[in-house]
Amino acid sequence: MRSRFSAFCTANIRYLIKTHHRSKRQHNDEITLAETLGHTPQTGEKIPSSV
């Protein structure tokens, strides 16, 4: 889950789609994610290291 959160924070749409279960994917996922990320405020929060 942490990797998907990081991908969302860095707008890594391809990773988000790749790691979403195939049965749940939609043909317009890339467009929907791009729109969502475009409307999500970036707060500048840092992701702490787990090491």
PDB file of N, CA and C in Angstrom:
ATOM      1  N   MET A   1       0.816  -1.189   0.000  1.00  0.00           N
ATOM      2  CA  MET A   1       0.000   0.000   0.000  1.00  0.00           C
ATOM      3  C   MET A   1       0.862   1.255   0.000  1.00  0.00           C
ATOM      4  N   ARG A   2       1.984   1.210   0.678  1.00  0.00           N
ATOM      5  CA  ARG A   2       2.867   2.369   0.732  1.00  0.00           C
ATOM      6  C   ARG A   2       3.356   2.753  -0.663  1.00  0.00           C
ATOM      7  N   SER A   3       3.633   1.762  -1.490  1.00  0.00           N
ATOM      8  CA  SER A   3       4.130   2.066  -2.829  1.00  0.00           C
ATOM      9  C   SER A   3       3.065   2.766  -3.670  1.00  0.00           C
ATOM     10  N   ARG A   4       1.804   2.385  -3.496  1.00  0.00           N
ATOM     11  CA  ARG A   4       0.729   3.052  -4.239  1.00  0.00           C
ATOM     12  C   ARG A   4       0.514   4.467  -3.726  1.00  0.00           C
ATOM     13  N   PHE A   5       0.647   4.677  -2.422  1.00  0.00           N
ATOM     14  CA  PHE A   5       0.549   6.026  -1.861  1.00  0.00           C
ATOM     15  C   PHE A   5       1.664   6.900  -2.433  1.00  0.00           C
ATOM     16  N   SER A   6       2.871   6.356  -2.471  1.00  0.00           N
ATOM     17  CA  SER A   6       4.007   7.094  -3.043  1.00  0.00           C
ATOM     18  C   SER A   6       3.756   7.404  -4.510  1.00  0.00           C
ATOM     19  N   ALA A   7       3.215   6.431  -5.232  1.00  0.00           N
ATOM     20  CA  ALA A   7       2.921   6.644  -6.654  1.00  0.00           C
ATOM     21  C   ALA A   7       1.877   7.734  -6.835  1.00  0.00           C
ATOM     22  N   PHE A   8       0.884   7.769  -5.969  1.00  0.00           N
ATOM     23  CA  PHE A   8      -0.133   8.814  -6.040  1.00  0.00           C
ATOM     24  C   PHE A   8       0.494  10.180  -5.772  1.00  0.00           C
ATOM     25  N   CYS A   9       1.356  10.244  -4.772  1.00  0.00           N
ATOM     26  CA  CYS A   9       2.003  11.509  -4.410  1.00  0.00           C
ATOM     27  C   CYS A   9       2.928  12.024  -5.507  1.00  0.00           C
ATOM     28  N   THR A  10       3.522  11.111  -6.251  1.00  0.00           N
ATOM     29  CA  THR A  10       4.453  11.502  -7.320  1.00  0.00           C
ATOM     30  C   THR A  10       3.800  11.460  -8.696  1.00  0.00           C
ATOM     31  N   ALA A  11       2.490  11.249  -8.730  1.00  0.00           N
ATOM     32  CA  ALA A  11       1.710  11.210  -9.977  1.00  0.00           C
ATOM     33  C   ALA A  11       2.224  10.154 -10.954  1.00  0.00           C
ATOM     34  N   ASN A  12       2.572   8.991 -10.430  1.00  0.00           N
ATOM     35  CA  ASN A  12       3.052   7.888 -11.258  1.00  0.00           C
ATOM     36  C   ASN A  12       1.843   7.061 -11.706  1.00  0.00           C
ATOM     37  N   ILE A  13       1.155   7.572 -12.716  1.00  0.00           N
ATOM     38  CA  ILE A  13      -0.097   6.972 -13.178  1.00  0.00           C
ATOM     39  C   ILE A  13       0.109   5.553 -13.694  1.00  0.00           C
ATOM     40  N   ARG A  14       1.161   5.331 -14.438  1.00  0.00           N
ATOM     41  CA  ARG A  14       1.404   3.982 -14.985  1.00  0.00           C
ATOM     42  C   ARG A  14       1.539   2.945 -13.873  1.00  0.00           C
ATOM     43  N   TYR A  15       2.234   3.298 -12.800  1.00  0.00           N
ATOM     44  CA  TYR A  15       2.397   2.365 -11.680  1.00  0.00           C
ATOM     45  C   TYR A  15       1.051   2.105 -11.002  1.00  0.00           C
ATOM     46  N   LEU A  16       0.272   3.147 -10.817  1.00  0.00           N
ATOM     47  CA  LEU A  16      -1.033   2.979 -10.185  1.00  0.00           C
ATOM     48  C   LEU A  16      -1.914   2.026 -10.988  1.00  0.00           C
ATOM     49  N   ILE A  17      -1.895   2.162 -12.297  1.00  0.00           N
ATOM     50  CA  ILE A  17      -2.690   1.276 -13.152  1.00  0.00           C
ATOM     51  C   ILE A  17      -2.118  -0.138 -13.122  1.00  0.00           C
ATOM     52  N   LYS A  18      -0.810  -0.247 -13.226  1.00  0.00           N
ATOM     53  CA  LYS A  18      -0.154  -1.553 -13.241  1.00  0.00           C
ATOM     54  C   LYS A  18      -0.425  -2.346 -11.958  1.00  0.00           C
ATOM     55  N   THR A  19      -0.521  -1.665 -10.835  1.00  0.00           N
ATOM     56  CA  THR A  19      -0.706  -2.341  -9.556  1.00  0.00           C
ATOM     57  C   THR A  19      -2.171  -2.437  -9.129  1.00  0.00           C
ATOM     58  N   HIS A  20      -3.080  -2.027  -9.996  1.00  0.00           N
ATOM     59  CA  HIS A  20      -4.515  -2.157  -9.731  1.00  0.00           C
ATOM     60  C   HIS A  20      -4.964  -3.489 -10.326  1.00  0.00           C
ATOM     61  N   HIS A  21      -5.758  -4.246  -9.615  1.00  0.00           N
ATOM     62  CA  HIS A  21      -6.164  -5.573 -10.085  1.00  0.00           C
ATOM     63  C   HIS A  21      -6.846  -5.475 -11.443  1.00  0.00           C
ATOM     64  N   ARG A  22      -6.475  -6.383 -12.323  1.00  0.00           N
ATOM     65  CA  ARG A  22      -6.999  -6.351 -13.708  1.00  0.00           C
ATOM     66  C   ARG A  22      -8.516  -6.352 -13.772  1.00  0.00           C
ATOM     67  N   SER A  23      -9.143  -7.079 -12.880  1.00  0.00           N
ATOM     68  CA  SER A  23     -10.611  -7.161 -12.915  1.00  0.00           C
ATOM     69  C   SER A  23     -11.268  -5.837 -12.543  1.00  0.00           C
ATOM     70  N   LYS A  24     -10.518  -4.945 -11.942  1.00  0.00           N
ATOM     71  CA  LYS A  24     -11.060  -3.655 -11.503  1.00  0.00           C
ATOM     72  C   LYS A  24     -10.684  -2.503 -12.430  1.00  0.00           C
ATOM     73  N   ARG A  25      -9.855  -2.760 -13.430  1.00  0.00           N
ATOM     74  CA  ARG A  25      -9.406  -1.696 -14.329  1.00  0.00           C
ATOM     75  C   ARG A  25     -10.513  -1.294 -15.293  1.00  0.00           C
ATOM     76  N   GLN A  26     -10.496  -0.027 -15.638  1.00  0.00           N
ATOM     77  CA  GLN A  26     -11.428   0.524 -16.618  1.00  0.00           C
ATOM     78  C   GLN A  26     -10.631   1.049 -17.812  1.00  0.00           C
ATOM     79  N   HIS A  27     -11.269   1.164 -18.949  1.00  0.00           N
ATOM     80  CA  HIS A  27     -10.562   1.626 -20.150  1.00  0.00           C
ATOM     81  C   HIS A  27     -10.083   3.076 -20.034  1.00  0.00           C
ATOM     82  N   ASN A  28     -10.691   3.855 -19.164  1.00  0.00           N
ATOM     83  CA  ASN A  28     -10.337   5.267 -19.032  1.00  0.00           C
ATOM     84  C   ASN A  28      -9.582   5.578 -17.735  1.00  0.00           C
ATOM     85  N   ASP A  29      -8.971   4.576 -17.115  1.00  0.00           N
ATOM     86  CA  ASP A  29      -8.264   4.783 -15.846  1.00  0.00           C
ATOM     87  C   ASP A  29      -7.188   5.860 -15.942  1.00  0.00           C
ATOM     88  N   GLU A  30      -6.432   5.862 -17.017  1.00  0.00           N
ATOM     89  CA  GLU A  30      -5.340   6.841 -17.139  1.00  0.00           C
ATOM     90  C   GLU A  30      -5.886   8.266 -17.170  1.00  0.00           C
ATOM     91  N   ILE A  31      -6.930   8.485 -17.906  1.00  0.00           N
ATOM     92  CA  ILE A  31      -7.541   9.819 -17.990  1.00  0.00           C
ATOM     93  C   ILE A  31      -8.133  10.222 -16.640  1.00  0.00           C
ATOM     94  N   THR A  32      -8.843   9.306 -16.016  1.00  0.00           N
ATOM     95  CA  THR A  32      -9.465   9.590 -14.721  1.00  0.00           C
ATOM     96  C   THR A  32      -8.417   9.926 -13.667  1.00  0.00           C
ATOM     97  N   LEU A  33      -7.345   9.143 -13.620  1.00  0.00           N
ATOM     98  CA  LEU A  33      -6.284   9.420 -12.651  1.00  0.00           C
ATOM     99  C   LEU A  33      -5.615  10.764 -12.924  1.00  0.00           C
ATOM    100  N   ALA A  34      -5.368  11.060 -14.182  1.00  0.00           N
ATOM    101  CA  ALA A  34      -4.736  12.339 -14.528  1.00  0.00           C
ATOM    102  C   ALA A  34      -5.619  13.505 -14.078  1.00  0.00           C
ATOM    103  N   GLU A  35      -6.917  13.390 -14.295  1.00  0.00           N
ATOM    104  CA  GLU A  35      -7.837  14.442 -13.859  1.00  0.00           C
ATOM    105  C   GLU A  35      -7.855  14.558 -12.335  1.00  0.00           C
ATOM    106  N   THR A  36      -7.896  13.425 -11.662  1.00  0.00           N
ATOM    107  CA  THR A  36      -7.910  13.419 -10.195  1.00  0.00           C
ATOM    108  C   THR A  36      -6.642  14.045  -9.642  1.00  0.00           C
ATOM    109  N   LEU A  37      -5.502  13.651 -10.176  1.00  0.00           N
ATOM    110  CA  LEU A  37      -4.229  14.190  -9.702  1.00  0.00           C
ATOM    111  C   LEU A  37      -4.119  15.685  -9.999  1.00  0.00           C
ATOM    112  N   GLY A  38      -4.730  16.122 -11.083  1.00  0.00           N
ATOM    113  CA  GLY A  38      -4.709  17.536 -11.430  1.00  0.00           C
ATOM    114  C   GLY A  38      -5.515  18.399 -10.467  1.00  0.00           C
ATOM    115  N   HIS A  39      -6.489  17.790  -9.795  1.00  0.00           N
ATOM    116  CA  HIS A  39      -7.340  18.521  -8.860  1.00  0.00           C
ATOM    117  C   HIS A  39      -6.981  18.277  -7.401  1.00  0.00           C
ATOM    118  N   THR A  40      -5.942  17.495  -7.174  1.00  0.00           N
ATOM    119  CA  THR A  40      -5.534  17.179  -5.802  1.00  0.00           C
ATOM    120  C   THR A  40      -4.463  18.161  -5.350  1.00  0.00           C
ATOM    121  N   PRO A  41      -4.706  18.888  -4.282  1.00  0.00           N
ATOM    122  CA  PRO A  41      -3.687  19.838  -3.815  1.00  0.00           C
ATOM    123  C   PRO A  41      -2.452  19.102  -3.298  1.00  0.00           C
ATOM    124  N   GLN A  42      -1.307  19.586  -3.660  1.00  0.00           N
ATOM    125  CA  GLN A  42      -0.045  19.028  -3.178  1.00  0.00           C
ATOM    126  C   GLN A  42       0.376  19.825  -1.956  1.00  0.00           C
ATOM    127  N   THR A  43       0.492  19.157  -0.826  1.00  0.00           N
ATOM    128  CA  THR A  43       0.781  19.847   0.430  1.00  0.00           C
ATOM    129  C   THR A  43       2.265  19.869   0.756  1.00  0.00           C
ATOM    130  N   GLY A  44       3.062  19.147  -0.019  1.00  0.00           N
ATOM    131  CA  GLY A  44       4.491  19.121   0.243  1.00  0.00           C
ATOM    132  C   GLY A  44       4.885  18.203   1.384  1.00  0.00           C
ATOM    133  N   GLU A  45       3.969  17.320   1.769  1.00  0.00           N
ATOM    134  CA  GLU A  45       4.287  16.389   2.839  1.00  0.00           C
ATOM    135  C   GLU A  45       5.344  15.393   2.379  1.00  0.00           C
ATOM    136  N   LYS A  46       6.173  14.976   3.294  1.00  0.00           N
ATOM    137  CA  LYS A  46       7.246  14.040   3.002  1.00  0.00           C
ATOM    138  C   LYS A  46       6.831  12.634   3.427  1.00  0.00           C
ATOM    139  N   ILE A  47       7.275  11.659   2.666  1.00  0.00           N
ATOM    140  CA  ILE A  47       7.038  10.263   3.003  1.00  0.00           C
ATOM    141  C   ILE A  47       8.250   9.773   3.781  1.00  0.00           C
ATOM    142  N   PRO A  48       8.068   9.417   5.046  1.00  0.00           N
ATOM    143  CA  PRO A  48       9.218   9.005   5.865  1.00  0.00           C
ATOM    144  C   PRO A  48       9.789   7.667   5.408  1.00  0.00           C
ATOM    145  N   SER A  49      11.053   7.513   5.598  1.00  0.00           N
ATOM    146  CA  SER A  49      11.741   6.278   5.262  1.00  0.00           C
ATOM    147  C   SER A  49      11.307   5.181   6.217  1.00  0.00           C
ATOM    148  N   SER A  50      11.201   3.972   5.713  1.00  0.00           N
ATOM    149  CA  SER A  50      10.805   2.852   6.568  1.00  0.00           C
ATOM    150  C   SER A  50      12.011   2.080   7.075  1.00  0.00           C
ATOM    151  N   VAL A  51      13.189   2.543   6.725  1.00  0.00           N
ATOM    152  CA  VAL A  51      14.410   1.846   7.142  1.00  0.00           C
ATOM    153  C   VAL A  51      14.959   2.461   8.405  1.00  0.00           C
TER     154      VAL A  51
END
